[in-house]
Amino acid sequence: MAAFGDFHSVHPTSPRPDATSVAWSPVERRTERVRVRAHTCECLPLVFEQCRAGGLGFIRRHDRSVSPWIVVDSPWMKVGDAETLWQRIMRGEAR
């Protein structure tokens, strides 16, 4: 079995002072399945997932700095718009 060592996934850039706020809301079970297309590193207390479900895209945020964890979703939107939001979060332009 291969040793993976200290493998890490993507780390988002820290939010800029002028970062726009995302309208996060509690997770709603709108579909049976959600596909995670990308995610940030599990070593951080704040983990983001780029998700798709029902022909739409959204970002799911897991705040593990509190107990119990807080899990929220961005608004569900066209897949292209969700990919743009993902890139903005990764660059620190949205949070």
PDB file of N, CA and C in Angstrom:
ATOM      1  N   MET A   1       0.848  -1.175   0.000  1.00  0.00           N
ATOM      2  CA  MET A   1       0.000   0.000   0.000  1.00  0.00           C
ATOM      3  C   MET A   1       0.896   1.241   0.000  1.00  0.00           C
ATOM      4  N   ALA A   2       0.547   2.221  -0.802  1.00  0.00           N
ATOM      5  CA  ALA A   2       1.336   3.447  -0.920  1.00  0.00           C
ATOM      6  C   ALA A   2       1.122   4.349   0.286  1.00  0.00           C
ATOM      7  N   ALA A   3       2.198   4.990   0.698  1.00  0.00           N
ATOM      8  CA  ALA A   3       2.108   5.963   1.791  1.00  0.00           C
ATOM      9  C   ALA A   3       1.830   7.328   1.177  1.00  0.00           C
ATOM     10  N   PHE A   4       0.847   8.027   1.725  1.00  0.00           N
ATOM     11  CA  PHE A   4       0.467   9.318   1.173  1.00  0.00           C
ATOM     12  C   PHE A   4       1.171  10.484   1.857  1.00  0.00           C
ATOM     13  N   GLY A   5       1.752  10.268   3.008  1.00  0.00           N
ATOM     14  CA  GLY A   5       2.479  11.334   3.681  1.00  0.00           C
ATOM     15  C   GLY A   5       1.586  12.499   4.049  1.00  0.00           C
ATOM     16  N   ASP A   6       2.084  13.704   3.834  1.00  0.00           N
ATOM     17  CA  ASP A   6       1.361  14.919   4.212  1.00  0.00           C
ATOM     18  C   ASP A   6       0.615  15.516   3.028  1.00  0.00           C
ATOM     19  N   PHE A   7      -0.174  14.714   2.343  1.00  0.00           N
ATOM     20  CA  PHE A   7      -0.940  15.215   1.207  1.00  0.00           C
ATOM     21  C   PHE A   7      -2.008  16.182   1.693  1.00  0.00           C
ATOM     22  N   HIS A   8      -2.098  17.304   1.017  1.00  0.00           N
ATOM     23  CA  HIS A   8      -3.131  18.298   1.317  1.00  0.00           C
ATOM     24  C   HIS A   8      -3.860  18.641   0.033  1.00  0.00           C
ATOM     25  N   SER A   9      -5.092  19.032   0.181  1.00  0.00           N
ATOM     26  CA  SER A   9      -5.896  19.481  -0.944  1.00  0.00           C
ATOM     27  C   SER A   9      -5.771  21.003  -1.052  1.00  0.00           C
ATOM     28  N   VAL A  10      -6.627  21.595  -1.834  1.00  0.00           N
ATOM     29  CA  VAL A  10      -6.613  23.032  -2.086  1.00  0.00           C
ATOM     30  C   VAL A  10      -6.897  23.809  -0.800  1.00  0.00           C
ATOM     31  N   HIS A  11      -6.137  24.870  -0.584  1.00  0.00           N
ATOM     32  CA  HIS A  11      -6.380  25.803   0.522  1.00  0.00           C
ATOM     33  C   HIS A  11      -6.878  27.110  -0.088  1.00  0.00           C
ATOM     34  N   PRO A  12      -8.054  27.593   0.317  1.00  0.00           N
ATOM     35  CA  PRO A  12      -8.516  28.874  -0.225  1.00  0.00           C
ATOM     36  C   PRO A  12      -7.660  30.019   0.307  1.00  0.00           C
ATOM     37  N   THR A  13      -7.578  31.059  -0.488  1.00  0.00           N
ATOM     38  CA  THR A  13      -6.897  32.274  -0.062  1.00  0.00           C
ATOM     39  C   THR A  13      -7.719  32.943   1.042  1.00  0.00           C
ATOM     40  N   SER A  14      -7.061  33.544   1.998  1.00  0.00           N
ATOM     41  CA  SER A  14      -7.789  34.263   3.064  1.00  0.00           C
ATOM     42  C   SER A  14      -8.667  35.341   2.443  1.00  0.00           C
ATOM     43  N   PRO A  15      -9.840  35.572   3.027  1.00  0.00           N
ATOM     44  CA  PRO A  15     -10.737  36.585   2.453  1.00  0.00           C
ATOM     45  C   PRO A  15     -10.102  37.970   2.463  1.00  0.00           C
ATOM     46  N   ARG A  16     -10.274  38.681   1.373  1.00  0.00           N
ATOM     47  CA  ARG A  16      -9.790  40.052   1.282  1.00  0.00           C
ATOM     48  C   ARG A  16     -10.715  40.949   2.080  1.00  0.00           C
ATOM     49  N   PRO A  17     -10.240  42.122   2.489  1.00  0.00           N
ATOM     50  CA  PRO A  17     -11.103  43.046   3.245  1.00  0.00           C
ATOM     51  C   PRO A  17     -12.370  43.439   2.479  1.00  0.00           C
ATOM     52  N   ASP A  18     -12.291  43.469   1.152  1.00  0.00           N
ATOM     53  CA  ASP A  18     -13.456  43.862   0.346  1.00  0.00           C
ATOM     54  C   ASP A  18     -14.229  42.650  -0.192  1.00  0.00           C
ATOM     55  N   ALA A  19     -14.011  41.470   0.393  1.00  0.00           N
ATOM     56  CA  ALA A  19     -14.708  40.258  -0.076  1.00  0.00           C
ATOM     57  C   ALA A  19     -16.212  40.403   0.097  1.00  0.00           C
ATOM     58  N   THR A  20     -16.943  39.974  -0.911  1.00  0.00           N
ATOM     59  CA  THR A  20     -18.405  40.031  -0.827  1.00  0.00           C
ATOM     60  C   THR A  20     -18.916  38.871   0.018  1.00  0.00           C
ATOM     61  N   SER A  21     -20.009  39.101   0.697  1.00  0.00           N
ATOM     62  CA  SER A  21     -20.608  38.065   1.540  1.00  0.00           C
ATOM     63  C   SER A  21     -21.513  37.170   0.706  1.00  0.00           C
ATOM     64  N   VAL A  22     -21.435  35.887   0.962  1.00  0.00           N
ATOM     65  CA  VAL A  22     -22.320  34.919   0.323  1.00  0.00           C
ATOM     66  C   VAL A  22     -23.549  34.771   1.224  1.00  0.00           C
ATOM     67  N   ALA A  23     -24.705  34.656   0.631  1.00  0.00           N
ATOM     68  CA  ALA A  23     -25.956  34.503   1.393  1.00  0.00           C
ATOM     69  C   ALA A  23     -26.110  33.040   1.818  1.00  0.00           C
ATOM     70  N   TRP A  24     -25.333  32.621   2.817  1.00  0.00           N
ATOM     71  CA  TRP A  24     -25.379  31.246   3.298  1.00  0.00           C
ATOM     72  C   TRP A  24     -26.708  30.968   3.984  1.00  0.00           C
ATOM     73  N   SER A  25     -27.230  29.756   3.809  1.00  0.00           N
ATOM     74  CA  SER A  25     -28.477  29.368   4.464  1.00  0.00           C
ATOM     75  C   SER A  25     -28.387  27.909   4.906  1.00  0.00           C
ATOM     76  N   PRO A  26     -29.209  27.515   5.874  1.00  0.00           N
ATOM     77  CA  PRO A  26     -29.165  26.128   6.344  1.00  0.00           C
ATOM     78  C   PRO A  26     -29.392  25.138   5.201  1.00  0.00           C
ATOM     79  N   VAL A  27     -28.769  23.983   5.311  1.00  0.00           N
ATOM     80  CA  VAL A  27     -28.903  22.938   4.296  1.00  0.00           C
ATOM     81  C   VAL A  27     -30.340  22.451   4.238  1.00  0.00           C
ATOM     82  N   GLU A  28     -30.882  22.385   3.035  1.00  0.00           N
ATOM     83  CA  GLU A  28     -32.214  21.831   2.806  1.00  0.00           C
ATOM     84  C   GLU A  28     -32.069  20.580   1.965  1.00  0.00           C
ATOM     85  N   ARG A  29     -32.746  19.529   2.321  1.00  0.00           N
ATOM     86  CA  ARG A  29     -32.711  18.280   1.555  1.00  0.00           C
ATOM     87  C   ARG A  29     -33.606  18.420   0.326  1.00  0.00           C
ATOM     88  N   ARG A  30     -33.053  19.045  -0.716  1.00  0.00           N
ATOM     89  CA  ARG A  30     -33.833  19.297  -1.934  1.00  0.00           C
ATOM     90  C   ARG A  30     -33.792  18.123  -2.903  1.00  0.00           C
ATOM     91  N   THR A  31     -32.759  17.287  -2.809  1.00  0.00           N
ATOM     92  CA  THR A  31     -32.606  16.150  -3.707  1.00  0.00           C
ATOM     93  C   THR A  31     -32.103  14.941  -2.927  1.00  0.00           C
ATOM     94  N   GLU A  32     -32.201  13.785  -3.552  1.00  0.00           N
ATOM     95  CA  GLU A  32     -31.715  12.548  -2.937  1.00  0.00           C
ATOM     96  C   GLU A  32     -30.183  12.511  -2.885  1.00  0.00           C
ATOM     97  N   ARG A  33     -29.552  13.016  -3.960  1.00  0.00           N
ATOM     98  CA  ARG A  33     -28.095  12.930  -4.063  1.00  0.00           C
ATOM     99  C   ARG A  33     -27.475  14.282  -4.376  1.00  0.00           C
ATOM    100  N   VAL A  34     -26.288  14.495  -3.828  1.00  0.00           N
ATOM    101  CA  VAL A  34     -25.485  15.675  -4.115  1.00  0.00           C
ATOM    102  C   VAL A  34     -24.103  15.174  -4.527  1.00  0.00           C
ATOM    103  N   ARG A  35     -23.603  15.674  -5.640  1.00  0.00           N
ATOM    104  CA  ARG A  35     -22.278  15.296  -6.110  1.00  0.00           C
ATOM    105  C   ARG A  35     -21.283  16.397  -5.745  1.00  0.00           C
ATOM    106  N   VAL A  36     -20.230  16.038  -5.038  1.00  0.00           N
ATOM    107  CA  VAL A  36     -19.174  16.982  -4.681  1.00  0.00           C
ATOM    108  C   VAL A  36     -18.146  16.962  -5.798  1.00  0.00           C
ATOM    109  N   ARG A  37     -17.973  18.084  -6.477  1.00  0.00           N
ATOM    110  CA  ARG A  37     -17.062  18.188  -7.618  1.00  0.00           C
ATOM    111  C   ARG A  37     -15.656  18.605  -7.208  1.00  0.00           C
ATOM    112  N   ALA A  38     -15.550  19.344  -6.119  1.00  0.00           N
ATOM    113  CA  ALA A  38     -14.247  19.794  -5.613  1.00  0.00           C
ATOM    114  C   ALA A  38     -14.426  20.136  -4.140  1.00  0.00           C
ATOM    115  N   HIS A  39     -13.322  20.119  -3.403  1.00  0.00           N
ATOM    116  CA  HIS A  39     -13.387  20.478  -1.985  1.00  0.00           C
ATOM    117  C   HIS A  39     -12.051  21.041  -1.545  1.00  0.00           C
ATOM    118  N   THR A  40     -12.087  21.783  -0.455  1.00  0.00           N
ATOM    119  CA  THR A  40     -10.858  22.325   0.105  1.00  0.00           C
ATOM    120  C   THR A  40     -10.288  21.333   1.116  1.00  0.00           C
ATOM    121  N   CYS A  41      -9.111  21.622   1.599  1.00  0.00           N
ATOM    122  CA  CYS A  41      -8.363  20.716   2.467  1.00  0.00           C
ATOM    123  C   CYS A  41      -9.078  20.475   3.796  1.00  0.00           C
ATOM    124  N   GLU A  42      -9.048  19.233   4.224  1.00  0.00           N
ATOM    125  CA  GLU A  42      -9.662  18.826   5.492  1.00  0.00           C
ATOM    126  C   GLU A  42      -8.844  19.269   6.706  1.00  0.00           C
ATOM    127  N   CYS A  43      -7.636  19.790   6.502  1.00  0.00           N
ATOM    128  CA  CYS A  43      -6.813  20.197   7.642  1.00  0.00           C
ATOM    129  C   CYS A  43      -7.261  21.540   8.223  1.00  0.00           C
ATOM    130  N   LEU A  44      -8.131  22.247   7.509  1.00  0.00           N
ATOM    131  CA  LEU A  44      -8.603  23.555   7.965  1.00  0.00           C
ATOM    132  C   LEU A  44      -9.941  23.417   8.687  1.00  0.00           C
ATOM    133  N   PRO A  45     -10.240  24.327   9.614  1.00  0.00           N
ATOM    134  CA  PRO A  45     -11.527  24.243  10.309  1.00  0.00           C
ATOM    135  C   PRO A  45     -12.711  24.644   9.428  1.00  0.00           C
ATOM    136  N   LEU A  46     -12.467  25.389   8.360  1.00  0.00           N
ATOM    137  CA  LEU A  46     -13.514  25.802   7.435  1.00  0.00           C
ATOM    138  C   LEU A  46     -13.283  25.070   6.116  1.00  0.00           C
ATOM    139  N   VAL A  47     -14.206  24.189   5.753  1.00  0.00           N
ATOM    140  CA  VAL A  47     -14.079  23.374   4.541  1.00  0.00           C
ATOM    141  C   VAL A  47     -15.208  23.752   3.589  1.00  0.00           C
ATOM    142  N   PHE A  48     -14.860  23.944   2.318  1.00  0.00           N
ATOM    143  CA  PHE A  48     -15.834  24.266   1.280  1.00  0.00           C
ATOM    144  C   PHE A  48     -15.920  23.113   0.296  1.00  0.00           C
ATOM    145  N   GLU A  49     -17.134  22.873  -0.219  1.00  0.00           N
ATOM    146  CA  GLU A  49     -17.357  21.871  -1.246  1.00  0.00           C
ATOM    147  C   GLU A  49     -18.104  22.509  -2.413  1.00  0.00           C
ATOM    148  N   GLN A  50     -17.633  22.249  -3.626  1.00  0.00           N
ATOM    149  CA  GLN A  50     -18.358  22.675  -4.814  1.00  0.00           C
ATOM    150  C   GLN A  50     -19.276  21.520  -5.186  1.00  0.00           C
ATOM    151  N   CYS A  51     -20.590  21.757  -5.165  1.00  0.00           N
ATOM    152  CA  CYS A  51     -21.579  20.684  -5.310  1.00  0.00           C
ATOM    153  C   CYS A  51     -22.483  20.904  -6.515  1.00  0.00           C
ATOM    154  N   ARG A  52     -23.037  19.778  -6.978  1.00  0.00           N
ATOM    155  CA  ARG A  52     -24.063  19.805  -8.022  1.00  0.00           C
ATOM    156  C   ARG A  52     -25.170  18.838  -7.640  1.00  0.00           C
ATOM    157  N   ALA A  53     -26.390  19.249  -7.949  1.00  0.00           N
ATOM    158  CA  ALA A  53     -27.554  18.398  -7.699  1.00  0.00           C
ATOM    159  C   ALA A  53     -28.731  18.938  -8.498  1.00  0.00           C
ATOM    160  N   GLY A  54     -29.503  18.056  -9.069  1.00  0.00           N
ATOM    161  CA  GLY A  54     -30.704  18.475  -9.780  1.00  0.00           C
ATOM    162  C   GLY A  54     -30.441  19.464 -10.897  1.00  0.00           C
ATOM    163  N   GLY A  55     -29.284  19.384 -11.552  1.00  0.00           N
ATOM    164  CA  GLY A  55     -28.953  20.293 -12.643  1.00  0.00           C
ATOM    165  C   GLY A  55     -28.496  21.672 -12.202  1.00  0.00           C
ATOM    166  N   LEU A  56     -28.315  21.868 -10.905  1.00  0.00           N
ATOM    167  CA  LEU A  56     -27.867  23.158 -10.374  1.00  0.00           C
ATOM    168  C   LEU A  56     -26.563  22.986  -9.610  1.00  0.00           C
ATOM    169  N   GLY A  57     -25.890  24.089  -9.343  1.00  0.00           N
ATOM    170  CA  GLY A  57     -24.655  24.073  -8.569  1.00  0.00           C
ATOM    171  C   GLY A  57     -24.788  24.948  -7.340  1.00  0.00           C
ATOM    172  N   PHE A  58     -23.978  24.653  -6.341  1.00  0.00           N
ATOM    173  CA  PHE A  58     -23.941  25.461  -5.120  1.00  0.00           C
ATOM    174  C   PHE A  58     -22.665  25.132  -4.369  1.00  0.00           C
ATOM    175  N   ILE A  59     -22.355  25.938  -3.372  1.00  0.00           N
ATOM    176  CA  ILE A  59     -21.193  25.722  -2.517  1.00  0.00           C
ATOM    177  C   ILE A  59     -21.705  25.380  -1.126  1.00  0.00           C
ATOM    178  N   ARG A  60     -21.136  24.338  -0.542  1.00  0.00           N
ATOM    179  CA  ARG A  60     -21.481  23.947   0.832  1.00  0.00           C
ATOM    180  C   ARG A  60     -20.285  24.291   1.719  1.00  0.00           C
ATOM    181  N   ARG A  61     -20.571  24.914   2.860  1.00  0.00           N
ATOM    182  CA  ARG A  61     -19.519  25.321   3.799  1.00  0.00           C
ATOM    183  C   ARG A  61     -19.701  24.579   5.118  1.00  0.00           C
ATOM    184  N   HIS A  62     -18.623  23.952   5.586  1.00  0.00           N
ATOM    185  CA  HIS A  62     -18.616  23.240   6.865  1.00  0.00           C
ATOM    186  C   HIS A  62     -17.726  24.027   7.824  1.00  0.00           C
ATOM    187  N   ASP A  63     -18.310  24.586   8.871  1.00  0.00           N
ATOM    188  CA  ASP A  63     -17.542  25.303   9.889  1.00  0.00           C
ATOM    189  C   ASP A  63     -17.321  24.340  11.056  1.00  0.00           C
ATOM    190  N   ARG A  64     -16.091  23.828  11.135  1.00  0.00           N
ATOM    191  CA  ARG A  64     -15.769  22.841  12.159  1.00  0.00           C
ATOM    192  C   ARG A  64     -15.065  23.469  13.355  1.00  0.00           C
ATOM    193  N   SER A  65     -15.076  24.802  13.430  1.00  0.00           N
ATOM    194  CA  SER A  65     -14.452  25.487  14.559  1.00  0.00           C
ATOM    195  C   SER A  65     -15.382  25.543  15.759  1.00  0.00           C
ATOM    196  N   VAL A  66     -16.624  25.140  15.566  1.00  0.00           N
ATOM    197  CA  VAL A  66     -17.629  25.141  16.636  1.00  0.00           C
ATOM    198  C   VAL A  66     -18.200  23.728  16.787  1.00  0.00           C
ATOM    199  N   SER A  67     -18.809  23.472  17.922  1.00  0.00           N
ATOM    200  CA  SER A  67     -19.435  22.179  18.150  1.00  0.00           C
ATOM    201  C   SER A  67     -20.873  22.413  18.586  1.00  0.00           C
ATOM    202  N   PRO A  68     -21.843  21.843  17.914  1.00  0.00           N
ATOM    203  CA  PRO A  68     -21.702  21.001  16.722  1.00  0.00           C
ATOM    204  C   PRO A  68     -21.333  21.838  15.498  1.00  0.00           C
ATOM    205  N   TRP A  69     -20.781  21.165  14.499  1.00  0.00           N
ATOM    206  CA  TRP A  69     -20.389  21.843  13.265  1.00  0.00           C
ATOM    207  C   TRP A  69     -21.591  22.542  12.646  1.00  0.00           C
ATOM    208  N   ILE A  70     -21.320  23.652  11.966  1.00  0.00           N
ATOM    209  CA  ILE A  70     -22.363  24.371  11.238  1.00  0.00           C
ATOM    210  C   ILE A  70     -22.142  24.133   9.749  1.00  0.00           C
ATOM    211  N   VAL A  71     -23.161  23.596   9.091  1.00  0.00           N
ATOM    212  CA  VAL A  71     -23.086  23.317   7.658  1.00  0.00           C
ATOM    213  C   VAL A  71     -24.158  24.149   6.969  1.00  0.00           C
ATOM    214  N   VAL A  72     -23.738  24.945   5.981  1.00  0.00           N
ATOM    215  CA  VAL A  72     -24.655  25.829   5.264  1.00  0.00           C
ATOM    216  C   VAL A  72     -24.377  25.751   3.763  1.00  0.00           C
ATOM    217  N   ASP A  73     -25.363  26.152   2.971  1.00  0.00           N
ATOM    218  CA  ASP A  73     -25.238  26.166   1.517  1.00  0.00           C
ATOM    219  C   ASP A  73     -25.351  27.583   0.981  1.00  0.00           C
ATOM    220  N   SER A  74     -24.659  27.822  -0.132  1.00  0.00           N
ATOM    221  CA  SER A  74     -24.886  29.052  -0.882  1.00  0.00           C
ATOM    222  C   SER A  74     -26.230  28.901  -1.600  1.00  0.00           C
ATOM    223  N   PRO A  75     -26.728  29.966  -2.191  1.00  0.00           N
ATOM    224  CA  PRO A  75     -27.921  29.795  -3.023  1.00  0.00           C
ATOM    225  C   PRO A  75     -27.626  28.794  -4.150  1.00  0.00           C
ATOM    226  N   TRP A  76     -28.621  28.011  -4.543  1.00  0.00           N
ATOM    227  CA  TRP A  76     -28.490  27.107  -5.679  1.00  0.00           C
ATOM    228  C   TRP A  76     -28.643  27.940  -6.944  1.00  0.00           C
ATOM    229  N   MET A  77     -27.793  27.686  -7.939  1.00  0.00           N
ATOM    230  CA  MET A  77     -27.744  28.530  -9.126  1.00  0.00           C
ATOM    231  C   MET A  77     -27.321  27.716 -10.337  1.00  0.00           C
ATOM    232  N   LYS A  78     -27.255  28.355 -11.480  1.00  0.00           N
ATOM    233  CA  LYS A  78     -26.743  27.698 -12.676  1.00  0.00           C
ATOM    234  C   LYS A  78     -25.328  27.207 -12.386  1.00  0.00           C
ATOM    235  N   VAL A  79     -24.974  26.081 -12.999  1.00  0.00           N
ATOM    236  CA  VAL A  79     -23.669  25.463 -12.740  1.00  0.00           C
ATOM    237  C   VAL A  79     -22.530  26.443 -13.025  1.00  0.00           C
ATOM    238  N   GLY A  80     -22.591  27.178 -14.120  1.00  0.00           N
ATOM    239  CA  GLY A  80     -21.537  28.143 -14.450  1.00  0.00           C
ATOM    240  C   GLY A  80     -21.392  29.224 -13.394  1.00  0.00           C
ATOM    241  N   ASP A  81     -22.507  29.684 -12.852  1.00  0.00           N
ATOM    242  CA  ASP A  81     -22.463  30.703 -11.799  1.00  0.00           C
ATOM    243  C   ASP A  81     -21.866  30.130 -10.516  1.00  0.00           C
ATOM    244  N   ALA A  82     -22.181  28.858 -10.216  1.00  0.00           N
ATOM    245  CA  ALA A  82     -21.613  28.215  -9.025  1.00  0.00           C
ATOM    246  C   ALA A  82     -20.099  28.032  -9.180  1.00  0.00           C
ATOM    247  N   GLU A  83     -19.643  27.709 -10.387  1.00  0.00           N
ATOM    248  CA  GLU A  83     -18.204  27.578 -10.627  1.00  0.00           C
ATOM    249  C   GLU A  83     -17.504  28.923 -10.455  1.00  0.00           C
ATOM    250  N   THR A  84     -18.159  29.988 -10.891  1.00  0.00           N
ATOM    251  CA  THR A  84     -17.600  31.338 -10.703  1.00  0.00           C
ATOM    252  C   THR A  84     -17.523  31.667  -9.212  1.00  0.00           C
ATOM    253  N   LEU A  85     -18.577  31.357  -8.463  1.00  0.00           N
ATOM    254  CA  LEU A  85     -18.566  31.599  -7.021  1.00  0.00           C
ATOM    255  C   LEU A  85     -17.453  30.799  -6.357  1.00  0.00           C
ATOM    256  N   TRP A  86     -17.272  29.550  -6.748  1.00  0.00           N
ATOM    257  CA  TRP A  86     -16.191  28.712  -6.212  1.00  0.00           C
ATOM    258  C   TRP A  86     -14.837  29.397  -6.417  1.00  0.00           C
ATOM    259  N   GLN A  87     -14.585  29.878  -7.638  1.00  0.00           N
ATOM    260  CA  GLN A  87     -13.322  30.551  -7.932  1.00  0.00           C
ATOM    261  C   GLN A  87     -13.157  31.818  -7.100  1.00  0.00           C
ATOM    262  N   ARG A  88     -14.226  32.558  -6.903  1.00  0.00           N
ATOM    263  CA  ARG A  88     -14.161  33.778  -6.097  1.00  0.00           C
ATOM    264  C   ARG A  88     -13.840  33.443  -4.639  1.00  0.00           C
ATOM    265  N   ILE A  89     -14.419  32.366  -4.114  1.00  0.00           N
ATOM    266  CA  ILE A  89     -14.108  31.939  -2.737  1.00  0.00           C
ATOM    267  C   ILE A  89     -12.647  31.511  -2.657  1.00  0.00           C
ATOM    268  N   MET A  90     -12.182  30.768  -3.640  1.00  0.00           N
ATOM    269  CA  MET A  90     -10.788  30.299  -3.642  1.00  0.00           C
ATOM    270  C   MET A  90      -9.790  31.457  -3.726  1.00  0.00           C
ATOM    271  N   ARG A  91     -10.157  32.532  -4.405  1.00  0.00           N
ATOM    272  CA  ARG A  91      -9.277  33.697  -4.528  1.00  0.00           C
ATOM    273  C   ARG A  91      -9.437  34.702  -3.393  1.00  0.00           C
ATOM    274  N   GLY A  92     -10.366  34.436  -2.449  1.00  0.00           N
ATOM    275  CA  GLY A  92     -10.585  35.350  -1.333  1.00  0.00           C
ATOM    276  C   GLY A  92     -11.463  36.526  -1.661  1.00  0.00           C
ATOM    277  N   GLU A  93     -12.166  36.471  -2.801  1.00  0.00           N
ATOM    278  CA  GLU A  93     -13.024  37.570  -3.227  1.00  0.00           C
ATOM    279  C   GLU A  93     -14.438  37.466  -2.670  1.00  0.00           C
ATOM    280  N   ALA A  94     -14.797  36.306  -2.139  1.00  0.00           N
ATOM    281  CA  ALA A  94     -16.123  36.090  -1.547  1.00  0.00           C
ATOM    282  C   ALA A  94     -15.961  35.203  -0.330  1.00  0.00           C
ATOM    283  N   ARG A  95     -16.836  35.392   0.637  1.00  0.00           N
ATOM    284  CA  ARG A  95     -16.799  34.541   1.829  1.00  0.00           C
ATOM    285  C   ARG A  95     -18.113  34.525   2.519  1.00  0.00           C
TER     286      ARG A  95
END
